[in-house]
């Protein structure tokens, strides 16, 4: 499973990365995490606000940090596909 964390490296972006790591551990899924910090790449992905979370190519959150439980739910859904 591919997970992308979009952001320029701010504190919120780092928190989203950490929360996503916790969610992966709780969900027990195998995932590859990628930080996307280049503003041009972020714009290409069509995300209006950072931090943003993309799971398997689908934007799940933008401009906020979702709860770990919500991320776990998204990971579980994606692993069932």
PDB file of N, CA and C in Angstrom:
ATOM      1  N   UNK A   1       0.853  -1.174   0.000  1.00  0.00           N
ATOM      2  CA  UNK A   1       0.000   0.000   0.000  1.00  0.00           C
ATOM      3  C   UNK A   1       0.897   1.235   0.000  1.00  0.00           C
ATOM      4  N   UNK A   2       0.539   2.196  -0.842  1.00  0.00           N
ATOM      5  CA  UNK A   2       1.332   3.428  -0.931  1.00  0.00           C
ATOM      6  C   UNK A   2       0.608   4.555  -0.208  1.00  0.00           C
ATOM      7  N   UNK A   3       1.343   5.202   0.679  1.00  0.00           N
ATOM      8  CA  UNK A   3       0.811   6.331   1.443  1.00  0.00           C
ATOM      9  C   UNK A   3       1.728   7.524   1.217  1.00  0.00           C
ATOM     10  N   UNK A   4       1.121   8.668   0.913  1.00  0.00           N
ATOM     11  CA  UNK A   4       1.894   9.890   0.715  1.00  0.00           C
ATOM     12  C   UNK A   4       1.442  10.941   1.728  1.00  0.00           C
ATOM     13  N   UNK A   5       2.424  11.575   2.350  1.00  0.00           N
ATOM     14  CA  UNK A   5       2.181  12.691   3.253  1.00  0.00           C
ATOM     15  C   UNK A   5       2.691  13.930   2.527  1.00  0.00           C
ATOM     16  N   UNK A   6       1.791  14.867   2.252  1.00  0.00           N
ATOM     17  CA  UNK A   6       2.157  16.068   1.520  1.00  0.00           C
ATOM     18  C   UNK A   6       2.283  17.250   2.466  1.00  0.00           C
ATOM     19  N   UNK A   7       3.380  17.958   2.336  1.00  0.00           N
ATOM     20  CA  UNK A   7       3.602  19.146   3.152  1.00  0.00           C
ATOM     21  C   UNK A   7       5.037  19.593   3.044  1.00  0.00           C
ATOM     22  N   UNK A   8       5.277  20.810   3.436  1.00  0.00           N
ATOM     23  CA  UNK A   8       6.607  21.404   3.272  1.00  0.00           C
ATOM     24  C   UNK A   8       7.552  21.116   4.432  1.00  0.00           C
ATOM     25  N   UNK A   9       7.125  20.284   5.370  1.00  0.00           N
ATOM     26  CA  UNK A   9       7.985  19.934   6.496  1.00  0.00           C
ATOM     27  C   UNK A   9       7.634  20.680   7.773  1.00  0.00           C
ATOM     28  N   UNK A  10       6.487  21.335   7.803  1.00  0.00           N
ATOM     29  CA  UNK A  10       6.067  22.081   8.987  1.00  0.00           C
ATOM     30  C   UNK A  10       5.710  21.121  10.132  1.00  0.00           C
ATOM     31  N   UNK A  11       5.458  21.661  11.294  1.00  0.00           N
ATOM     32  CA  UNK A  11       5.137  20.857  12.477  1.00  0.00           C
ATOM     33  C   UNK A  11       3.879  20.007  12.253  1.00  0.00           C
ATOM     34  N   UNK A  12       2.868  20.583  11.598  1.00  0.00           N
ATOM     35  CA  UNK A  12       1.640  19.826  11.335  1.00  0.00           C
ATOM     36  C   UNK A  12       1.911  18.658  10.389  1.00  0.00           C
ATOM     37  N   UNK A  13       2.764  18.874   9.409  1.00  0.00           N
ATOM     38  CA  UNK A  13       3.108  17.820   8.454  1.00  0.00           C
ATOM     39  C   UNK A  13       3.841  16.687   9.172  1.00  0.00           C
ATOM     40  N   UNK A  14       4.734  17.049  10.073  1.00  0.00           N
ATOM     41  CA  UNK A  14       5.470  16.048  10.839  1.00  0.00           C
ATOM     42  C   UNK A  14       4.539  15.273  11.765  1.00  0.00           C
ATOM     43  N   UNK A  15       3.562  15.958  12.339  1.00  0.00           N
ATOM     44  CA  UNK A  15       2.596  15.293  13.209  1.00  0.00           C
ATOM     45  C   UNK A  15       1.742  14.312  12.408  1.00  0.00           C
ATOM     46  N   UNK A  16       1.316  14.713  11.214  1.00  0.00           N
ATOM     47  CA  UNK A  16       0.525  13.816  10.372  1.00  0.00           C
ATOM     48  C   UNK A  16       1.336  12.567  10.018  1.00  0.00           C
ATOM     49  N   UNK A  17       2.617  12.738   9.747  1.00  0.00           N
ATOM     50  CA  UNK A  17       3.481  11.594   9.432  1.00  0.00           C
ATOM     51  C   UNK A  17       3.537  10.644  10.629  1.00  0.00           C
ATOM     52  N   UNK A  18       3.735  11.202  11.821  1.00  0.00           N
ATOM     53  CA  UNK A  18       3.818  10.388  13.042  1.00  0.00           C
ATOM     54  C   UNK A  18       2.495   9.679  13.330  1.00  0.00           C
ATOM     55  N   UNK A  19       1.386  10.382  13.160  1.00  0.00           N
ATOM     56  CA  UNK A  19       0.068   9.790  13.409  1.00  0.00           C
ATOM     57  C   UNK A  19      -0.209   8.664  12.402  1.00  0.00           C
ATOM     58  N   UNK A  20       0.227   8.858  11.178  1.00  0.00           N
ATOM     59  CA  UNK A  20       0.035   7.833  10.154  1.00  0.00           C
ATOM     60  C   UNK A  20       0.870   6.595  10.475  1.00  0.00           C
ATOM     61  N   UNK A  21       2.086   6.802  10.986  1.00  0.00           N
ATOM     62  CA  UNK A  21       2.913   5.662  11.408  1.00  0.00           C
ATOM     63  C   UNK A  21       2.209   4.861  12.507  1.00  0.00           C
ATOM     64  N   UNK A  22       1.615   5.564  13.465  1.00  0.00           N
ATOM     65  CA  UNK A  22       0.864   4.893  14.545  1.00  0.00           C
ATOM     66  C   UNK A  22      -0.304   4.097  13.960  1.00  0.00           C
ATOM     67  N   UNK A  23      -1.010   4.709  13.009  1.00  0.00           N
ATOM     68  CA  UNK A  23      -2.176   4.064  12.409  1.00  0.00           C
ATOM     69  C   UNK A  23      -1.779   2.804  11.638  1.00  0.00           C
ATOM     70  N   UNK A  24      -0.661   2.849  10.951  1.00  0.00           N
ATOM     71  CA  UNK A  24      -0.178   1.673  10.211  1.00  0.00           C
ATOM     72  C   UNK A  24       0.094   0.534  11.183  1.00  0.00           C
ATOM     73  N   UNK A  25       0.740   0.857  12.300  1.00  0.00           N
ATOM     74  CA  UNK A  25       1.037  -0.160  13.312  1.00  0.00           C
ATOM     75  C   UNK A  25      -0.253  -0.745  13.887  1.00  0.00           C
ATOM     76  N   UNK A  26      -1.223   0.110  14.184  1.00  0.00           N
ATOM     77  CA  UNK A  26      -2.497  -0.352  14.752  1.00  0.00           C
ATOM     78  C   UNK A  26      -3.294  -1.184  13.752  1.00  0.00           C
ATOM     79  N   UNK A  27      -3.261  -0.790  12.491  1.00  0.00           N
ATOM     80  CA  UNK A  27      -4.026  -1.497  11.461  1.00  0.00           C
ATOM     81  C   UNK A  27      -3.353  -2.808  11.060  1.00  0.00           C
ATOM     82  N   UNK A  28      -2.063  -2.907  11.328  1.00  0.00           N
ATOM     83  CA  UNK A  28      -1.331  -4.114  10.983  1.00  0.00           C
ATOM     84  C   UNK A  28      -1.202  -4.342   9.486  1.00  0.00           C
ATOM     85  N   UNK A  29      -1.112  -3.251   8.732  1.00  0.00           N
ATOM     86  CA  UNK A  29      -0.977  -3.363   7.281  1.00  0.00           C
ATOM     87  C   UNK A  29       0.459  -3.071   6.864  1.00  0.00           C
ATOM     88  N   UNK A  30       0.801  -3.556   5.695  1.00  0.00           N
ATOM     89  CA  UNK A  30       2.109  -3.284   5.124  1.00  0.00           C
ATOM     90  C   UNK A  30       1.963  -2.046   4.244  1.00  0.00           C
ATOM     91  N   UNK A  31       2.786  -1.041   4.488  1.00  0.00           N
ATOM     92  CA  UNK A  31       2.646   0.205   3.739  1.00  0.00           C
ATOM     93  C   UNK A  31       4.004   0.850   3.491  1.00  0.00           C
ATOM     94  N   UNK A  32       4.078   1.540   2.373  1.00  0.00           N
ATOM     95  CA  UNK A  32       5.256   2.321   2.015  1.00  0.00           C
ATOM     96  C   UNK A  32       4.870   3.787   2.151  1.00  0.00           C
ATOM     97  N   UNK A  33       5.566   4.499   3.044  1.00  0.00           N
ATOM     98  CA  UNK A  33       5.247   5.913   3.251  1.00  0.00           C
ATOM     99  C   UNK A  33       6.238   6.786   2.490  1.00  0.00           C
ATOM    100  N   UNK A  34       5.700   7.850   1.916  1.00  0.00           N
ATOM    101  CA  UNK A  34       6.521   8.789   1.168  1.00  0.00           C
ATOM    102  C   UNK A  34       6.158  10.210   1.597  1.00  0.00           C
ATOM    103  N   UNK A  35       7.198  10.998   1.880  1.00  0.00           N
ATOM    104  CA  UNK A  35       6.982  12.419   2.164  1.00  0.00           C
ATOM    105  C   UNK A  35       7.119  13.172   0.848  1.00  0.00           C
ATOM    106  N   UNK A  36       6.124  13.988   0.534  1.00  0.00           N
ATOM    107  CA  UNK A  36       6.180  14.823  -0.661  1.00  0.00           C
ATOM    108  C   UNK A  36       6.270  16.267  -0.173  1.00  0.00           C
ATOM    109  N   UNK A  37       7.463  16.854  -0.322  1.00  0.00           N
ATOM    110  CA  UNK A  37       7.691  18.198   0.208  1.00  0.00           C
ATOM    111  C   UNK A  37       7.859  19.246  -0.882  1.00  0.00           C
ATOM    112  N   UNK A  38       8.062  18.806  -2.116  1.00  0.00           N
ATOM    113  CA  UNK A  38       8.244  19.740  -3.220  1.00  0.00           C
ATOM    114  C   UNK A  38       6.900  20.371  -3.594  1.00  0.00           C
ATOM    115  N   UNK A  39       6.827  21.676  -3.546  1.00  0.00           N
ATOM    116  CA  UNK A  39       5.570  22.388  -3.775  1.00  0.00           C
ATOM    117  C   UNK A  39       5.018  22.114  -5.178  1.00  0.00           C
ATOM    118  N   UNK A  40       5.884  21.949  -6.166  1.00  0.00           N
ATOM    119  CA  UNK A  40       5.424  21.646  -7.528  1.00  0.00           C
ATOM    120  C   UNK A  40       4.748  20.275  -7.583  1.00  0.00           C
ATOM    121  N   UNK A  41       5.331  19.307  -6.884  1.00  0.00           N
ATOM    122  CA  UNK A  41       4.734  17.957  -6.846  1.00  0.00           C
ATOM    123  C   UNK A  41       3.389  17.982  -6.122  1.00  0.00           C
ATOM    124  N   UNK A  42       3.330  18.738  -5.035  1.00  0.00           N
ATOM    125  CA  UNK A  42       2.078  18.857  -4.272  1.00  0.00           C
ATOM    126  C   UNK A  42       0.992  19.449  -5.168  1.00  0.00           C
ATOM    127  N   UNK A  43       1.343  20.473  -5.928  1.00  0.00           N
ATOM    128  CA  UNK A  43       0.372  21.102  -6.824  1.00  0.00           C
ATOM    129  C   UNK A  43      -0.084  20.129  -7.910  1.00  0.00           C
ATOM    130  N   UNK A  44       0.834  19.311  -8.432  1.00  0.00           N
ATOM    131  CA  UNK A  44       0.488  18.318  -9.458  1.00  0.00           C
ATOM    132  C   UNK A  44      -0.534  17.312  -8.929  1.00  0.00           C
ATOM    133  N   UNK A  45      -0.454  17.016  -7.638  1.00  0.00           N
ATOM    134  CA  UNK A  45      -1.375  16.052  -7.037  1.00  0.00           C
ATOM    135  C   UNK A  45      -2.745  16.667  -6.754  1.00  0.00           C
ATOM    136  N   UNK A  46      -2.877  17.977  -6.956  1.00  0.00           N
ATOM    137  CA  UNK A  46      -4.173  18.640  -6.842  1.00  0.00           C
ATOM    138  C   UNK A  46      -4.678  18.818  -5.424  1.00  0.00           C
ATOM    139  N   UNK A  47      -3.766  18.939  -4.487  1.00  0.00           N
ATOM    140  CA  UNK A  47      -4.163  19.113  -3.087  1.00  0.00           C
ATOM    141  C   UNK A  47      -4.170  20.606  -2.758  1.00  0.00           C
ATOM    142  N   UNK A  48      -5.331  21.139  -2.315  1.00  0.00           N
ATOM    143  CA  UNK A  48      -5.434  22.577  -2.073  1.00  0.00           C
ATOM    144  C   UNK A  48      -4.704  23.061  -0.817  1.00  0.00           C
ATOM    145  N   UNK A  49      -4.646  22.202   0.214  1.00  0.00           N
ATOM    146  CA  UNK A  49      -4.022  22.620   1.477  1.00  0.00           C
ATOM    147  C   UNK A  49      -3.176  21.489   2.049  1.00  0.00           C
ATOM    148  N   UNK A  50      -2.114  21.877   2.759  1.00  0.00           N
ATOM    149  CA  UNK A  50      -1.308  20.883   3.462  1.00  0.00           C
ATOM    150  C   UNK A  50      -1.479  21.096   4.960  1.00  0.00           C
ATOM    151  N   UNK A  51      -1.231  20.117   5.771  1.00  0.00           N
ATOM    152  CA  UNK A  51      -0.768  18.792   5.382  1.00  0.00           C
ATOM    153  C   UNK A  51      -1.888  18.003   4.717  1.00  0.00           C
ATOM    154  N   UNK A  52      -1.485  17.035   3.912  1.00  0.00           N
ATOM    155  CA  UNK A  52      -2.472  16.188   3.239  1.00  0.00           C
ATOM    156  C   UNK A  52      -2.024  14.735   3.302  1.00  0.00           C
ATOM    157  N   UNK A  53      -3.010  13.862   3.268  1.00  0.00           N
ATOM    158  CA  UNK A  53      -2.763  12.426   3.326  1.00  0.00           C
ATOM    159  C   UNK A  53      -3.399  11.772   2.107  1.00  0.00           C
ATOM    160  N   UNK A  54      -2.587  11.029   1.365  1.00  0.00           N
ATOM    161  CA  UNK A  54      -3.074  10.289   0.204  1.00  0.00           C
ATOM    162  C   UNK A  54      -2.796   8.816   0.442  1.00  0.00           C
ATOM    163  N   UNK A  55      -3.851   7.997   0.307  1.00  0.00           N
ATOM    164  CA  UNK A  55      -3.707   6.550   0.450  1.00  0.00           C
ATOM    165  C   UNK A  55      -4.114   5.913  -0.872  1.00  0.00           C
ATOM    166  N   UNK A  56      -3.169   5.175  -1.468  1.00  0.00           N
ATOM    167  CA  UNK A  56      -3.425   4.500  -2.742  1.00  0.00           C
ATOM    168  C   UNK A  56      -3.985   5.468  -3.794  1.00  0.00           C
ATOM    169  N   UNK A  57      -3.414   6.668  -3.857  1.00  0.00           N
ATOM    170  CA  UNK A  57      -3.791   7.632  -4.876  1.00  0.00           C
ATOM    171  C   UNK A  57      -5.041   8.443  -4.588  1.00  0.00           C
ATOM    172  N   UNK A  58      -5.681   8.196  -3.445  1.00  0.00           N
ATOM    173  CA  UNK A  58      -6.914   8.900  -3.097  1.00  0.00           C
ATOM    174  C   UNK A  58      -6.652   9.871  -1.939  1.00  0.00           C
ATOM    175  N   UNK A  59      -6.985  11.149  -2.145  1.00  0.00           N
ATOM    176  CA  UNK A  59      -6.807  12.151  -1.092  1.00  0.00           C
ATOM    177  C   UNK A  59      -7.814  11.874   0.018  1.00  0.00           C
ATOM    178  N   UNK A  60      -7.301  11.613   1.216  1.00  0.00           N
ATOM    179  CA  UNK A  60      -8.170  11.303   2.354  1.00  0.00           C
ATOM    180  C   UNK A  60      -8.321  12.493   3.294  1.00  0.00           C
ATOM    181  N   UNK A  61      -7.294  13.333   3.369  1.00  0.00           N
ATOM    182  CA  UNK A  61      -7.366  14.508   4.252  1.00  0.00           C
ATOM    183  C   UNK A  61      -6.514  15.614   3.654  1.00  0.00           C
ATOM    184  N   UNK A  62      -6.987  16.845   3.818  1.00  0.00           N
ATOM    185  CA  UNK A  62      -6.256  18.005   3.317  1.00  0.00           C
ATOM    186  C   UNK A  62      -6.499  19.176   4.259  1.00  0.00           C
ATOM    187  N   UNK A  63      -5.404  19.781   4.732  1.00  0.00           N
ATOM    188  CA  UNK A  63      -5.527  20.946   5.593  1.00  0.00           C
ATOM    189  C   UNK A  63      -5.826  20.639   7.047  1.00  0.00           C
ATOM    190  N   UNK A  64      -5.798  19.346   7.411  1.00  0.00           N
ATOM    191  CA  UNK A  64      -6.055  18.981   8.805  1.00  0.00           C
ATOM    192  C   UNK A  64      -5.356  17.669   9.121  1.00  0.00           C
ATOM    193  N   UNK A  65      -5.289  17.364  10.403  1.00  0.00           N
ATOM    194  CA  UNK A  65      -4.695  16.119  10.852  1.00  0.00           C
ATOM    195  C   UNK A  65      -5.816  15.236  11.393  1.00  0.00           C
ATOM    196  N   UNK A  66      -6.161  14.177  10.667  1.00  0.00           N
ATOM    197  CA  UNK A  66      -7.240  13.302  11.147  1.00  0.00           C
ATOM    198  C   UNK A  66      -6.807  12.499  12.372  1.00  0.00           C
ATOM    199  N   UNK A  67      -7.792  12.026  13.125  1.00  0.00           N
ATOM    200  CA  UNK A  67      -7.523  11.176  14.279  1.00  0.00           C
ATOM    201  C   UNK A  67      -6.889   9.867  13.794  1.00  0.00           C
ATOM    202  N   UNK A  68      -6.069   9.258  14.657  1.00  0.00           N
ATOM    203  CA  UNK A  68      -5.431   7.986  14.321  1.00  0.00           C
ATOM    204  C   UNK A  68      -6.491   6.942  13.959  1.00  0.00           C
ATOM    205  N   UNK A  69      -7.591   6.908  14.716  1.00  0.00           N
ATOM    206  CA  UNK A  69      -8.658   5.933  14.451  1.00  0.00           C
ATOM    207  C   UNK A  69      -9.227   6.101  13.048  1.00  0.00           C
ATOM    208  N   UNK A  70      -9.346   7.330  12.585  1.00  0.00           N
ATOM    209  CA  UNK A  70      -9.856   7.582  11.231  1.00  0.00           C
ATOM    210  C   UNK A  70      -8.873   7.066  10.191  1.00  0.00           C
ATOM    211  N   UNK A  71      -7.589   7.303  10.420  1.00  0.00           N
ATOM    212  CA  UNK A  71      -6.557   6.832   9.485  1.00  0.00           C
ATOM    213  C   UNK A  71      -6.563   5.299   9.449  1.00  0.00           C
ATOM    214  N   UNK A  72      -6.706   4.668  10.618  1.00  0.00           N
ATOM    215  CA  UNK A  72      -6.777   3.201  10.687  1.00  0.00           C
ATOM    216  C   UNK A  72      -7.938   2.698   9.835  1.00  0.00           C
ATOM    217  N   UNK A  73      -9.074   3.363   9.927  1.00  0.00           N
ATOM    218  CA  UNK A  73     -10.254   2.990   9.143  1.00  0.00           C
ATOM    219  C   UNK A  73      -9.960   3.080   7.650  1.00  0.00           C
ATOM    220  N   UNK A  74      -9.344   4.166   7.223  1.00  0.00           N
ATOM    221  CA  UNK A  74      -8.998   4.328   5.808  1.00  0.00           C
ATOM    222  C   UNK A  74      -8.022   3.255   5.352  1.00  0.00           C
ATOM    223  N   UNK A  75      -7.039   2.942   6.202  1.00  0.00           N
ATOM    224  CA  UNK A  75      -6.061   1.911   5.856  1.00  0.00           C
ATOM    225  C   UNK A  75      -6.727   0.552   5.717  1.00  0.00           C
ATOM    226  N   UNK A  76      -7.648   0.256   6.613  1.00  0.00           N
ATOM    227  CA  UNK A  76      -8.366  -1.018   6.551  1.00  0.00           C
ATOM    228  C   UNK A  76      -9.183  -1.123   5.277  1.00  0.00           C
ATOM    229  N   UNK A  77      -9.872  -0.032   4.918  1.00  0.00           N
ATOM    230  CA  UNK A  77     -10.647  -0.006   3.671  1.00  0.00           C
ATOM    231  C   UNK A  77      -9.742  -0.247   2.466  1.00  0.00           C
ATOM    232  N   UNK A  78      -8.616   0.443   2.445  1.00  0.00           N
ATOM    233  CA  UNK A  78      -7.694   0.335   1.296  1.00  0.00           C
ATOM    234  C   UNK A  78      -7.098  -1.059   1.198  1.00  0.00           C
ATOM    235  N   UNK A  79      -6.852  -1.707   2.334  1.00  0.00           N
ATOM    236  CA  UNK A  79      -6.245  -3.043   2.296  1.00  0.00           C
ATOM    237  C   UNK A  79      -7.238  -4.105   1.842  1.00  0.00           C
ATOM    238  N   UNK A  80      -8.528  -3.801   1.912  1.00  0.00           N
ATOM    239  CA  UNK A  80      -9.555  -4.748   1.477  1.00  0.00           C
ATOM    240  C   UNK A  80      -9.794  -4.711  -0.025  1.00  0.00           C
ATOM    241  N   UNK A  81      -9.310  -3.658  -0.678  1.00  0.00           N
ATOM    242  CA  UNK A  81      -9.541  -3.506  -2.119  1.00  0.00           C
ATOM    243  C   UNK A  81      -8.628  -4.423  -2.909  1.00  0.00           C
TER     244      UNK A  81
END
